[in-house]
PDB file of N, CA and C in Angstrom:
ATOM      1  N   MET A   1     -12.453  11.298  15.878  1.00  0.00           N
ATOM      2  CA  MET A   1     -11.420  10.576  15.131  1.00  0.00           C
ATOM      3  C   MET A   1     -12.089   9.768  14.019  1.00  0.00           C
ATOM      4  N   THR A   2     -11.533   9.878  12.845  1.00  0.00           N
ATOM      5  CA  THR A   2     -12.012   9.132  11.693  1.00  0.00           C
ATOM      6  C   THR A   2     -11.073   7.965  11.434  1.00  0.00           C
ATOM      7  N   ILE A   3     -11.642   6.827  11.070  1.00  0.00           N
ATOM      8  CA  ILE A   3     -10.844   5.652  10.721  1.00  0.00           C
ATOM      9  C   ILE A   3     -10.888   5.500   9.207  1.00  0.00           C
ATOM     10  N   PHE A   4      -9.710   5.571   8.592  1.00  0.00           N
ATOM     11  CA  PHE A   4      -9.588   5.516   7.139  1.00  0.00           C
ATOM     12  C   PHE A   4      -9.052   4.171   6.679  1.00  0.00           C
ATOM     13  N   ALA A   5      -9.485   3.767   5.502  1.00  0.00           N
ATOM     14  CA  ALA A   5      -8.839   2.721   4.720  1.00  0.00           C
ATOM     15  C   ALA A   5      -8.390   3.402   3.435  1.00  0.00           C
ATOM     16  N   LEU A   6      -7.185   3.095   2.992  1.00  0.00           N
ATOM     17  CA  LEU A   6      -6.661   3.707   1.772  1.00  0.00           C
ATOM     18  C   LEU A   6      -6.491   2.629   0.720  1.00  0.00           C
ATOM     19  N   LEU A   7      -6.870   2.943  -0.507  1.00  0.00           N
ATOM     20  CA  LEU A   7      -6.815   2.006  -1.621  1.00  0.00           C
ATOM     21  C   LEU A   7      -5.962   2.596  -2.731  1.00  0.00           C
ATOM     22  N   LEU A   8      -4.919   1.879  -3.100  1.00  0.00           N
ATOM     23  CA  LEU A   8      -4.044   2.286  -4.211  1.00  0.00           C
ATOM     24  C   LEU A   8      -4.291   1.353  -5.386  1.00  0.00           C
ATOM     25  N   THR A   9      -4.492   1.921  -6.575  1.00  0.00           N
ATOM     26  CA  THR A   9      -4.713   1.098  -7.766  1.00  0.00           C
ATOM     27  C   THR A   9      -3.731   1.400  -8.890  1.00  0.00           C
ATOM     28  N   GLN A  10      -2.982   2.459  -8.780  1.00  0.00           N
ATOM     29  CA  GLN A  10      -2.079   2.884  -9.853  1.00  0.00           C
ATOM     30  C   GLN A  10      -0.674   2.345  -9.620  1.00  0.00           C
ATOM     31  N   SER A  11       0.012   2.028 -10.681  1.00  0.00           N
ATOM     32  CA  SER A  11       1.392   1.563 -10.597  1.00  0.00           C
ATOM     33  C   SER A  11       2.252   2.568  -9.840  1.00  0.00           C
ATOM     34  N   PRO A  12       3.205   2.073  -9.039  1.00  0.00           N
ATOM     35  CA  PRO A  12       4.094   2.996  -8.329  1.00  0.00           C
ATOM     36  C   PRO A  12       5.030   3.760  -9.268  1.00  0.00           C
ATOM     37  N   PHE A  13       5.077   3.352 -10.534  1.00  0.00           N
ATOM     38  CA  PHE A  13       5.972   3.973 -11.511  1.00  0.00           C
ATOM     39  C   PHE A  13       5.261   4.956 -12.429  1.00  0.00           C
ATOM     40  N   ALA A  14       3.950   5.135 -12.232  1.00  0.00           N
ATOM     41  CA  ALA A  14       3.171   6.019 -13.095  1.00  0.00           C
ATOM     42  C   ALA A  14       2.363   6.973 -12.219  1.00  0.00           C
ATOM     43  N   GLY A  15       2.576   8.226 -12.383  1.00  0.00           N
ATOM     44  CA  GLY A  15       1.780   9.200 -11.652  1.00  0.00           C
ATOM     45  C   GLY A  15       2.240   9.418 -10.218  1.00  0.00           C
ATOM     46  N   GLN A  16       1.375  10.055  -9.468  1.00  0.00           N
ATOM     47  CA  GLN A  16       1.702  10.498  -8.117  1.00  0.00           C
ATOM     48  C   GLN A  16       0.898   9.778  -7.035  1.00  0.00           C
ATOM     49  N   ALA A  17       0.251   8.678  -7.357  1.00  0.00           N
ATOM     50  CA  ALA A  17      -0.642   8.023  -6.406  1.00  0.00           C
ATOM     51  C   ALA A  17       0.053   7.631  -5.106  1.00  0.00           C
ATOM     52  N   PHE A  18       1.232   7.035  -5.192  1.00  0.00           N
ATOM     53  CA  PHE A  18       1.928   6.598  -3.983  1.00  0.00           C
ATOM     54  C   PHE A  18       2.363   7.787  -3.134  1.00  0.00           C
ATOM     55  N   GLN A  19       2.851   8.842  -3.779  1.00  0.00           N
ATOM     56  CA  GLN A  19       3.249  10.037  -3.039  1.00  0.00           C
ATOM     57  C   GLN A  19       2.031  10.687  -2.377  1.00  0.00           C
ATOM     58  N   SER A  20       0.915  10.741  -3.092  1.00  0.00           N
ATOM     59  CA  SER A  20      -0.301  11.339  -2.544  1.00  0.00           C
ATOM     60  C   SER A  20      -0.836  10.516  -1.380  1.00  0.00           C
ATOM     61  N   CYS A  21      -0.802   9.215  -1.515  1.00  0.00           N
ATOM     62  CA  CYS A  21      -1.255   8.328  -0.442  1.00  0.00           C
ATOM     63  C   CYS A  21      -0.396   8.519   0.806  1.00  0.00           C
ATOM     64  N   LEU A  22       0.900   8.603   0.617  1.00  0.00           N
ATOM     65  CA  LEU A  22       1.811   8.787   1.745  1.00  0.00           C
ATOM     66  C   LEU A  22       1.556  10.127   2.431  1.00  0.00           C
ATOM     67  N   ARG A  23       1.391  11.194   1.656  1.00  0.00           N
ATOM     68  CA  ARG A  23       1.104  12.511   2.240  1.00  0.00           C
ATOM     69  C   ARG A  23      -0.208  12.487   3.022  1.00  0.00           C
ATOM     70  N   PHE A  24      -1.225  11.839   2.447  1.00  0.00           N
ATOM     71  CA  PHE A  24      -2.521  11.755   3.113  1.00  0.00           C
ATOM     72  C   PHE A  24      -2.401  10.970   4.418  1.00  0.00           C
ATOM     73  N   ALA A  25      -1.736   9.834   4.377  1.00  0.00           N
ATOM     74  CA  ALA A  25      -1.587   8.998   5.575  1.00  0.00           C
ATOM     75  C   ALA A  25      -0.841   9.741   6.673  1.00  0.00           C
ATOM     76  N   LYS A  26       0.226  10.437   6.315  1.00  0.00           N
ATOM     77  CA  LYS A  26       0.980  11.217   7.310  1.00  0.00           C
ATOM     78  C   LYS A  26       0.108  12.299   7.924  1.00  0.00           C
ATOM     79  N   ALA A  27      -0.651  12.999   7.096  1.00  0.00           N
ATOM     80  CA  ALA A  27      -1.525  14.063   7.591  1.00  0.00           C
ATOM     81  C   ALA A  27      -2.620  13.492   8.492  1.00  0.00           C
ATOM     82  N   ALA A  28      -3.175  12.357   8.123  1.00  0.00           N
ATOM     83  CA  ALA A  28      -4.221  11.732   8.936  1.00  0.00           C
ATOM     84  C   ALA A  28      -3.683  11.336  10.304  1.00  0.00           C
ATOM     85  N   VAL A  29      -2.515  10.713  10.330  1.00  0.00           N
ATOM     86  CA  VAL A  29      -1.911  10.296  11.599  1.00  0.00           C
ATOM     87  C   VAL A  29      -1.572  11.516  12.449  1.00  0.00           C
ATOM     88  N   GLN A  30      -1.030  12.539  11.822  1.00  0.00           N
ATOM     89  CA  GLN A  30      -0.666  13.759  12.545  1.00  0.00           C
ATOM     90  C   GLN A  30      -1.907  14.432  13.147  1.00  0.00           C
ATOM     91  N   ALA A  31      -3.039  14.329  12.463  1.00  0.00           N
ATOM     92  CA  ALA A  31      -4.285  14.931  12.940  1.00  0.00           C
ATOM     93  C   ALA A  31      -5.035  14.004  13.902  1.00  0.00           C
ATOM     94  N   LYS A  32      -4.371  12.942  14.344  1.00  0.00           N
ATOM     95  CA  LYS A  32      -4.912  11.994  15.322  1.00  0.00           C
ATOM     96  C   LYS A  32      -6.053  11.132  14.777  1.00  0.00           C
ATOM     97  N   HIS A  33      -6.083  10.957  13.447  1.00  0.00           N
ATOM     98  CA  HIS A  33      -7.011  10.002  12.848  1.00  0.00           C
ATOM     99  C   HIS A  33      -6.292   8.662  12.766  1.00  0.00           C
ATOM    100  N   GLN A  34      -7.014   7.636  12.401  1.00  0.00           N
ATOM    101  CA  GLN A  34      -6.422   6.307  12.295  1.00  0.00           C
ATOM    102  C   GLN A  34      -6.480   5.828  10.845  1.00  0.00           C
ATOM    103  N   VAL A  35      -5.383   5.258  10.381  1.00  0.00           N
ATOM    104  CA  VAL A  35      -5.361   4.575   9.085  1.00  0.00           C
ATOM    105  C   VAL A  35      -5.390   3.086   9.419  1.00  0.00           C
ATOM    106  N   GLU A  36      -6.529   2.449   9.168  1.00  0.00           N
ATOM    107  CA  GLU A  36      -6.719   1.058   9.546  1.00  0.00           C
ATOM    108  C   GLU A  36      -5.842   0.136   8.704  1.00  0.00           C
ATOM    109  N   HIS A  37      -5.783   0.416   7.402  1.00  0.00           N
ATOM    110  CA  HIS A  37      -4.920  -0.354   6.503  1.00  0.00           C
ATOM    111  C   HIS A  37      -4.801   0.374   5.172  1.00  0.00           C
ATOM    112  N   ILE A  38      -3.805  -0.034   4.412  1.00  0.00           N
ATOM    113  CA  ILE A  38      -3.635   0.425   3.030  1.00  0.00           C
ATOM    114  C   ILE A  38      -3.651  -0.825   2.171  1.00  0.00           C
ATOM    115  N   PHE A  39      -4.480  -0.811   1.128  1.00  0.00           N
ATOM    116  CA  PHE A  39      -4.622  -1.983   0.270  1.00  0.00           C
ATOM    117  C   PHE A  39      -4.186  -1.640  -1.146  1.00  0.00           C
ATOM    118  N   LEU A  40      -3.289  -2.454  -1.689  1.00  0.00           N
ATOM    119  CA  LEU A  40      -2.802  -2.285  -3.054  1.00  0.00           C
ATOM    120  C   LEU A  40      -3.538  -3.253  -3.959  1.00  0.00           C
ATOM    121  N   TYR A  41      -4.107  -2.714  -5.025  1.00  0.00           N
ATOM    122  CA  TYR A  41      -4.921  -3.493  -5.953  1.00  0.00           C
ATOM    123  C   TYR A  41      -4.545  -3.086  -7.373  1.00  0.00           C
ATOM    124  N   GLN A  42      -4.916  -3.877  -8.334  1.00  0.00           N
ATOM    125  CA  GLN A  42      -4.607  -3.647  -9.741  1.00  0.00           C
ATOM    126  C   GLN A  42      -3.105  -3.429  -9.907  1.00  0.00           C
ATOM    127  N   ASP A  43      -2.673  -2.418 -10.663  1.00  0.00           N
ATOM    128  CA  ASP A  43      -1.242  -2.227 -10.940  1.00  0.00           C
ATOM    129  C   ASP A  43      -0.421  -1.781  -9.726  1.00  0.00           C
ATOM    130  N   ALA A  44      -1.078  -1.337  -8.669  1.00  0.00           N
ATOM    131  CA  ALA A  44      -0.348  -0.917  -7.469  1.00  0.00           C
ATOM    132  C   ALA A  44       0.396  -2.080  -6.820  1.00  0.00           C
ATOM    133  N   VAL A  45      -0.034  -3.312  -7.075  1.00  0.00           N
ATOM    134  CA  VAL A  45       0.618  -4.481  -6.467  1.00  0.00           C
ATOM    135  C   VAL A  45       2.061  -4.639  -6.924  1.00  0.00           C
ATOM    136  N   LEU A  46       2.438  -3.998  -8.005  1.00  0.00           N
ATOM    137  CA  LEU A  46       3.822  -4.081  -8.488  1.00  0.00           C
ATOM    138  C   LEU A  46       4.804  -3.562  -7.437  1.00  0.00           C
ATOM    139  N   ALA A  47       4.337  -2.713  -6.550  1.00  0.00           N
ATOM    140  CA  ALA A  47       5.193  -2.157  -5.498  1.00  0.00           C
ATOM    141  C   ALA A  47       5.661  -3.222  -4.513  1.00  0.00           C
ATOM    142  N   ALA A  48       4.932  -4.320  -4.386  1.00  0.00           N
ATOM    143  CA  ALA A  48       5.267  -5.352  -3.404  1.00  0.00           C
ATOM    144  C   ALA A  48       6.470  -6.196  -3.802  1.00  0.00           C
ATOM    145  N   SER A  49       6.905  -6.092  -5.025  1.00  0.00           N
ATOM    146  CA  SER A  49       8.028  -6.902  -5.506  1.00  0.00           C
ATOM    147  C   SER A  49       9.361  -6.353  -5.007  1.00  0.00           C
ATOM    148  N   ALA A  50      10.181  -7.235  -4.449  1.00  0.00           N
ATOM    149  CA  ALA A  50      11.519  -6.840  -4.003  1.00  0.00           C
ATOM    150  C   ALA A  50      12.464  -6.669  -5.190  1.00  0.00           C
ATOM    151  N   ALA A  51      12.029  -7.061  -6.372  1.00  0.00           N
ATOM    152  CA  ALA A  51      12.875  -6.995  -7.563  1.00  0.00           C
ATOM    153  C   ALA A  51      12.931  -5.598  -8.167  1.00  0.00           C
ATOM    154  N   ILE A  52      12.224  -4.639  -7.588  1.00  0.00           N
ATOM    155  CA  ILE A  52      12.237  -3.275  -8.115  1.00  0.00           C
ATOM    156  C   ILE A  52      13.627  -2.676  -7.919  1.00  0.00           C
ATOM    157  N   ASP A  53      14.195  -2.186  -8.997  1.00  0.00           N
ATOM    158  CA  ASP A  53      15.524  -1.576  -8.942  1.00  0.00           C
ATOM    159  C   ASP A  53      15.463  -0.250  -9.692  1.00  0.00           C
ATOM    160  N   LEU A  54      15.142   0.808  -8.975  1.00  0.00           N
ATOM    161  CA  LEU A  54      15.016   2.122  -9.592  1.00  0.00           C
ATOM    162  C   LEU A  54      16.375   2.798  -9.704  1.00  0.00           C
ATOM    163  N   PRO A  55      16.565   3.654 -10.685  1.00  0.00           N
ATOM    164  CA  PRO A  55      17.791   4.444 -10.751  1.00  0.00           C
ATOM    165  C   PRO A  55      17.944   5.278  -9.482  1.00  0.00           C
ATOM    166  N   SER A  56      19.169   5.559  -9.099  1.00  0.00           N
ATOM    167  CA  SER A  56      19.431   6.246  -7.831  1.00  0.00           C
ATOM    168  C   SER A  56      18.865   7.666  -7.791  1.00  0.00           C
ATOM    169  N   ASP A  57      18.589   8.263  -8.946  1.00  0.00           N
ATOM    170  CA  ASP A  57      18.068   9.630  -8.946  1.00  0.00           C
ATOM    171  C   ASP A  57      16.536   9.688  -8.889  1.00  0.00           C
ATOM    172  N   GLU A  58      15.877   8.529  -8.798  1.00  0.00           N
ATOM    173  CA  GLU A  58      14.423   8.487  -8.703  1.00  0.00           C
ATOM    174  C   GLU A  58      14.001   8.104  -7.290  1.00  0.00           C
ATOM    175  N   PRO A  59      13.064   8.838  -6.710  1.00  0.00           N
ATOM    176  CA  PRO A  59      12.595   8.462  -5.367  1.00  0.00           C
ATOM    177  C   PRO A  59      11.768   7.179  -5.434  1.00  0.00           C
ATOM    178  N   ASN A  60      11.920   6.340  -4.451  1.00  0.00           N
ATOM    179  CA  ASN A  60      11.170   5.089  -4.399  1.00  0.00           C
ATOM    180  C   ASN A  60       9.975   5.293  -3.466  1.00  0.00           C
ATOM    181  N   ALA A  61       8.877   5.784  -4.027  1.00  0.00           N
ATOM    182  CA  ALA A  61       7.688   6.102  -3.236  1.00  0.00           C
ATOM    183  C   ALA A  61       7.112   4.862  -2.574  1.00  0.00           C
ATOM    184  N   ALA A  62       7.228   3.717  -3.223  1.00  0.00           N
ATOM    185  CA  ALA A  62       6.714   2.475  -2.643  1.00  0.00           C
ATOM    186  C   ALA A  62       7.481   2.104  -1.379  1.00  0.00           C
ATOM    187  N   ALA A  63       8.781   2.273  -1.395  1.00  0.00           N
ATOM    188  CA  ALA A  63       9.597   1.975  -0.216  1.00  0.00           C
ATOM    189  C   ALA A  63       9.337   2.984   0.898  1.00  0.00           C
ATOM    190  N   LEU A  64       9.146   4.241   0.543  1.00  0.00           N
ATOM    191  CA  LEU A  64       8.836   5.267   1.547  1.00  0.00           C
ATOM    192  C   LEU A  64       7.504   4.976   2.228  1.00  0.00           C
ATOM    193  N   LEU A  65       6.521   4.555   1.436  1.00  0.00           N
ATOM    194  CA  LEU A  65       5.219   4.199   1.993  1.00  0.00           C
ATOM    195  C   LEU A  65       5.343   2.991   2.921  1.00  0.00           C
ATOM    196  N   ALA A  66       6.090   1.985   2.497  1.00  0.00           N
ATOM    197  CA  ALA A  66       6.286   0.787   3.321  1.00  0.00           C
ATOM    198  C   ALA A  66       6.984   1.134   4.633  1.00  0.00           C
ATOM    199  N   ASP A  67       7.996   2.001   4.577  1.00  0.00           N
ATOM    200  CA  ASP A  67       8.701   2.422   5.791  1.00  0.00           C
ATOM    201  C   ASP A  67       7.754   3.137   6.759  1.00  0.00           C
ATOM    202  N   PHE A  68       6.947   4.033   6.214  1.00  0.00           N
ATOM    203  CA  PHE A  68       5.989   4.761   7.048  1.00  0.00           C
ATOM    204  C   PHE A  68       5.000   3.797   7.702  1.00  0.00           C
ATOM    205  N   CYS A  69       4.490   2.860   6.927  1.00  0.00           N
ATOM    206  CA  CYS A  69       3.527   1.894   7.460  1.00  0.00           C
ATOM    207  C   CYS A  69       4.148   1.043   8.565  1.00  0.00           C
ATOM    208  N   GLN A  70       5.399   0.659   8.403  1.00  0.00           N
ATOM    209  CA  GLN A  70       6.073  -0.115   9.440  1.00  0.00           C
ATOM    210  C   GLN A  70       6.243   0.719  10.707  1.00  0.00           C
ATOM    211  N   GLN A  71       6.639   1.970  10.560  1.00  0.00           N
ATOM    212  CA  GLN A  71       6.821   2.846  11.716  1.00  0.00           C
ATOM    213  C   GLN A  71       5.520   3.070  12.470  1.00  0.00           C
ATOM    214  N   GLN A  72       4.436   3.212  11.721  1.00  0.00           N
ATOM    215  CA  GLN A  72       3.135   3.519  12.325  1.00  0.00           C
ATOM    216  C   GLN A  72       2.297   2.261  12.605  1.00  0.00           C
ATOM    217  N   GLN A  73       2.833   1.109  12.283  1.00  0.00           N
ATOM    218  CA  GLN A  73       2.143  -0.176  12.443  1.00  0.00           C
ATOM    219  C   GLN A  73       0.802  -0.208  11.702  1.00  0.00           C
ATOM    220  N   ILE A  74       0.846   0.263  10.471  1.00  0.00           N
ATOM    221  CA  ILE A  74      -0.318   0.246   9.588  1.00  0.00           C
ATOM    222  C   ILE A  74      -0.156  -0.940   8.643  1.00  0.00           C
ATOM    223  N   PRO A  75      -1.106  -1.866   8.602  1.00  0.00           N
ATOM    224  CA  PRO A  75      -0.989  -2.988   7.674  1.00  0.00           C
ATOM    225  C   PRO A  75      -0.961  -2.495   6.225  1.00  0.00           C
ATOM    226  N   LEU A  76       0.037  -2.935   5.484  1.00  0.00           N
ATOM    227  CA  LEU A  76       0.186  -2.599   4.067  1.00  0.00           C
ATOM    228  C   LEU A  76      -0.064  -3.879   3.291  1.00  0.00           C
ATOM    229  N   LEU A  77      -1.281  -4.032   2.830  1.00  0.00           N
ATOM    230  CA  LEU A  77      -1.741  -5.271   2.211  1.00  0.00           C
ATOM    231  C   LEU A  77      -1.741  -5.143   0.692  1.00  0.00           C
ATOM    232  N   PHE A  78      -1.502  -6.270   0.018  1.00  0.00           N
ATOM    233  CA  PHE A  78      -1.631  -6.252  -1.439  1.00  0.00           C
ATOM    234  C   PHE A  78      -2.401  -7.490  -1.895  1.00  0.00           C
ATOM    235  N   CYS A  79      -3.148  -7.326  -2.974  1.00  0.00           N
ATOM    236  CA  CYS A  79      -4.018  -8.377  -3.486  1.00  0.00           C
ATOM    237  C   CYS A  79      -3.199  -9.484  -4.143  1.00  0.00           C
ATOM    238  N   SER A  80      -3.353 -10.690  -3.626  1.00  0.00           N
ATOM    239  CA  SER A  80      -2.588 -11.822  -4.146  1.00  0.00           C
ATOM    240  C   SER A  80      -2.958 -12.147  -5.586  1.00  0.00           C
ATOM    241  N   THR A  81      -4.232 -12.077  -5.916  1.00  0.00           N
ATOM    242  CA  THR A  81      -4.667 -12.402  -7.276  1.00  0.00           C
ATOM    243  C   THR A  81      -4.150 -11.380  -8.282  1.00  0.00           C
ATOM    244  N   ALA A  82      -4.256 -10.110  -7.942  1.00  0.00           N
ATOM    245  CA  ALA A  82      -3.758  -9.056  -8.832  1.00  0.00           C
ATOM    246  C   ALA A  82      -2.246  -9.173  -9.001  1.00  0.00           C
ATOM    247  N   ALA A  83      -1.545  -9.520  -7.924  1.00  0.00           N
ATOM    248  CA  ALA A  83      -0.087  -9.671  -7.992  1.00  0.00           C
ATOM    249  C   ALA A  83       0.294 -10.849  -8.883  1.00  0.00           C
ATOM    250  N   GLU A  84      -0.394 -11.954  -8.711  1.00  0.00           N
ATOM    251  CA  GLU A  84      -0.108 -13.139  -9.518  1.00  0.00           C
ATOM    252  C   GLU A  84      -0.335 -12.861 -11.002  1.00  0.00           C
ATOM    253  N   LYS A  85      -1.414 -12.153 -11.313  1.00  0.00           N
ATOM    254  CA  LYS A  85      -1.720 -11.790 -12.705  1.00  0.00           C
ATOM    255  C   LYS A  85      -0.614 -10.952 -13.334  1.00  0.00           C
ATOM    256  N   ARG A  86       0.065 -10.155 -12.508  1.00  0.00           N
ATOM    257  CA  ARG A  86       1.081  -9.227 -13.005  1.00  0.00           C
ATOM    258  C   ARG A  86       2.499  -9.747 -12.834  1.00  0.00           C
ATOM    259  N   GLY A  87       2.624 -11.009 -12.468  1.00  0.00           N
ATOM    260  CA  GLY A  87       3.934 -11.650 -12.414  1.00  0.00           C
ATOM    261  C   GLY A  87       4.745 -11.369 -11.178  1.00  0.00           C
ATOM    262  N   VAL A  88       4.124 -10.859 -10.121  1.00  0.00           N
ATOM    263  CA  VAL A  88       4.847 -10.617  -8.870  1.00  0.00           C
ATOM    264  C   VAL A  88       5.064 -11.962  -8.187  1.00  0.00           C
ATOM    265  N   ASN A  89       6.307 -12.255  -7.860  1.00  0.00           N
ATOM    266  CA  ASN A  89       6.650 -13.515  -7.194  1.00  0.00           C
ATOM    267  C   ASN A  89       6.138 -13.447  -5.759  1.00  0.00           C
ATOM    268  N   LEU A  90       5.274 -14.373  -5.375  1.00  0.00           N
ATOM    269  CA  LEU A  90       4.642 -14.328  -4.067  1.00  0.00           C
ATOM    270  C   LEU A  90       5.431 -15.043  -2.975  1.00  0.00           C
ATOM    271  N   GLU A  91       6.634 -15.511  -3.299  1.00  0.00           N
ATOM    272  CA  GLU A  91       7.498 -16.108  -2.273  1.00  0.00           C
ATOM    273  C   GLU A  91       7.915 -15.006  -1.301  1.00  0.00           C
ATOM    274  N   ALA A  92       7.927 -15.304  -0.020  1.00  0.00           N
ATOM    275  CA  ALA A  92       8.198 -14.295   1.009  1.00  0.00           C
ATOM    276  C   ALA A  92       9.513 -13.560   0.777  1.00  0.00           C
ATOM    277  N   GLU A  93      10.544 -14.260   0.335  1.00  0.00           N
ATOM    278  CA  GLU A  93      11.848 -13.613   0.138  1.00  0.00           C
ATOM    279  C   GLU A  93      11.874 -12.726  -1.109  1.00  0.00           C
ATOM    280  N   GLN A  94      10.831 -12.800  -1.926  1.00  0.00           N
ATOM    281  CA  GLN A  94      10.761 -11.976  -3.131  1.00  0.00           C
ATOM    282  C   GLN A  94       9.870 -10.748  -2.954  1.00  0.00           C
ATOM    283  N   LEU A  95       9.338 -10.576  -1.745  1.00  0.00           N
ATOM    284  CA  LEU A  95       8.460  -9.446  -1.479  1.00  0.00           C
ATOM    285  C   LEU A  95       9.233  -8.341  -0.766  1.00  0.00           C
ATOM    286  N   GLY A  96       8.832  -7.118  -1.015  1.00  0.00           N
ATOM    287  CA  GLY A  96       9.449  -5.984  -0.345  1.00  0.00           C
ATOM    288  C   GLY A  96       9.117  -5.991   1.141  1.00  0.00           C
ATOM    289  N   ALA A  97       9.972  -5.391   1.923  1.00  0.00           N
ATOM    290  CA  ALA A  97       9.775  -5.332   3.371  1.00  0.00           C
ATOM    291  C   ALA A  97       8.494  -4.572   3.694  1.00  0.00           C
ATOM    292  N   GLY A  98       7.714  -5.139   4.576  1.00  0.00           N
ATOM    293  CA  GLY A  98       6.510  -4.466   5.045  1.00  0.00           C
ATOM    294  C   GLY A  98       5.235  -4.805   4.300  1.00  0.00           C
ATOM    295  N   TYR A  99       5.351  -5.448   3.155  1.00  0.00           N
ATOM    296  CA  TYR A  99       4.164  -5.781   2.380  1.00  0.00           C
ATOM    297  C   TYR A  99       3.592  -7.118   2.832  1.00  0.00           C
ATOM    298  N   GLN A 100       2.263  -7.167   3.001  1.00  0.00           N
ATOM    299  CA  GLN A 100       1.591  -8.371   3.464  1.00  0.00           C
ATOM    300  C   GLN A 100       0.606  -8.863   2.410  1.00  0.00           C
ATOM    301  N   LEU A 101       0.680 -10.136   2.133  1.00  0.00           N
ATOM    302  CA  LEU A 101      -0.212 -10.777   1.172  1.00  0.00           C
ATOM    303  C   LEU A 101      -1.627 -10.840   1.748  1.00  0.00           C
ATOM    304  N   ALA A 102      -2.603 -10.472   0.961  1.00  0.00           N
ATOM    305  CA  ALA A 102      -4.009 -10.511   1.396  1.00  0.00           C
ATOM    306  C   ALA A 102      -4.880 -10.736   0.171  1.00  0.00           C
ATOM    307  N   GLY A 103      -6.124 -10.922   0.415  1.00  0.00           N
ATOM    308  CA  GLY A 103      -7.078 -11.055  -0.669  1.00  0.00           C
ATOM    309  C   GLY A 103      -8.055  -9.898  -0.654  1.00  0.00           C
ATOM    310  N   LEU A 104      -8.788  -9.770  -1.715  1.00  0.00           N
ATOM    311  CA  LEU A 104      -9.798  -8.724  -1.808  1.00  0.00           C
ATOM    312  C   LEU A 104     -10.857  -8.911  -0.714  1.00  0.00           C
ATOM    313  N   ALA A 105     -11.137 -10.150  -0.351  1.00  0.00           N
ATOM    314  CA  ALA A 105     -12.121 -10.423   0.708  1.00  0.00           C
ATOM    315  C   ALA A 105     -11.647  -9.866   2.050  1.00  0.00           C
ATOM    316  N   GLU A 106     -10.351  -9.993   2.346  1.00  0.00           N
ATOM    317  CA  GLU A 106      -9.839  -9.445   3.602  1.00  0.00           C
ATOM    318  C   GLU A 106      -9.987  -7.927   3.622  1.00  0.00           C
ATOM    319  N   HIS A 107      -9.674  -7.305   2.494  1.00  0.00           N
ATOM    320  CA  HIS A 107      -9.840  -5.847   2.396  1.00  0.00           C
ATOM    321  C   HIS A 107     -11.302  -5.482   2.663  1.00  0.00           C
ATOM    322  N   ALA A 108     -12.211  -6.190   2.056  1.00  0.00           N
ATOM    323  CA  ALA A 108     -13.641  -5.904   2.227  1.00  0.00           C
ATOM    324  C   ALA A 108     -14.073  -6.087   3.682  1.00  0.00           C
ATOM    325  N   MET A 109     -13.579  -7.121   4.335  1.00  0.00           N
ATOM    326  CA  MET A 109     -13.929  -7.356   5.736  1.00  0.00           C
ATOM    327  C   MET A 109     -13.384  -6.239   6.629  1.00  0.00           C
ATOM    328  N   ARG A 110     -12.175  -5.788   6.342  1.00  0.00           N
ATOM    329  CA  ARG A 110     -11.572  -4.720   7.140  1.00  0.00           C
ATOM    330  C   ARG A 110     -12.315  -3.393   6.960  1.00  0.00           C
ATOM    331  N   LEU A 111     -12.971  -3.216   5.821  1.00  0.00           N
ATOM    332  CA  LEU A 111     -13.699  -1.970   5.571  1.00  0.00           C
ATOM    333  C   LEU A 111     -14.828  -1.759   6.573  1.00  0.00           C
ATOM    334  N   SER A 112     -15.333  -2.839   7.143  1.00  0.00           N
ATOM    335  CA  SER A 112     -16.421  -2.698   8.119  1.00  0.00           C
ATOM    336  C   SER A 112     -15.978  -1.947   9.373  1.00  0.00           C
ATOM    337  N   LYS A 113     -14.671  -1.881   9.622  1.00  0.00           N
ATOM    338  CA  LYS A 113     -14.127  -1.161  10.779  1.00  0.00           C
ATOM    339  C   LYS A 113     -13.879   0.310  10.462  1.00  0.00           C
ATOM    340  N   CYS A 114     -14.024   0.693   9.194  1.00  0.00           N
ATOM    341  CA  CYS A 114     -13.603   2.026   8.740  1.00  0.00           C
ATOM    342  C   CYS A 114     -14.779   2.960   8.527  1.00  0.00           C
ATOM    343  N   ASP A 115     -14.498   4.245   8.700  1.00  0.00           N
ATOM    344  CA  ASP A 115     -15.487   5.271   8.428  1.00  0.00           C
ATOM    345  C   ASP A 115     -15.452   5.727   6.969  1.00  0.00           C
ATOM    346  N   LYS A 116     -14.240   5.761   6.418  1.00  0.00           N
ATOM    347  CA  LYS A 116     -14.081   6.270   5.047  1.00  0.00           C
ATOM    348  C   LYS A 116     -13.035   5.469   4.289  1.00  0.00           C
ATOM    349  N   LEU A 117     -13.268   5.328   2.998  1.00  0.00           N
ATOM    350  CA  LEU A 117     -12.322   4.724   2.064  1.00  0.00           C
ATOM    351  C   LEU A 117     -11.856   5.818   1.123  1.00  0.00           C
ATOM    352  N   VAL A 118     -10.550   5.975   1.006  1.00  0.00           N
ATOM    353  CA  VAL A 118      -9.973   6.974   0.092  1.00  0.00           C
ATOM    354  C   VAL A 118      -9.140   6.226  -0.930  1.00  0.00           C
ATOM    355  N   GLN A 119      -9.437   6.469  -2.207  1.00  0.00           N
ATOM    356  CA  GLN A 119      -8.720   5.786  -3.287  1.00  0.00           C
ATOM    357  C   GLN A 119      -7.747   6.733  -3.977  1.00  0.00           C
ATOM    358  N   PHE A 120      -6.568   6.189  -4.278  1.00  0.00           N
ATOM    359  CA  PHE A 120      -5.532   6.940  -4.991  1.00  0.00           C
ATOM    360  C   PHE A 120      -5.195   6.210  -6.264  1.00  0.00           C
TER     361      PHE A 120
END
C-alpha cells in the first residue's frame, strides 16, 4: 500500500487539475492505497470559497472533490496565506463544506507520513 499526498495548485476554473485529482484519488482508494491528505495551494485555494456560483451547466469539480474527501475522510486542506492573498474570506461560514484551513508548514509535516507526493 502506498500513502499519497496530493497537491493542487491550479484554479478550479482553469484546466482539468481538479478533475484529474479526483480521478486519481478515486483510483488510489479503489486500489487500496491511502490518500493521506489533499492540499490546495496557489490559485487552487479559490475552491475553498463558499461564494463560488457556477452556471448550472458547468460541473463544480471543487464541490465533487470536497464531497469525495468527506465520504472517504480525507483531509482537504488549503493554504491560509495563499487564500488571504487571493481574497478568500477565511471566516468559517464563508468556506465551502469540507475545506479545512491549514498552513504550508502543516502540509510539509504531513508529508513525512507519505510515500509519494502527486501534484496537479
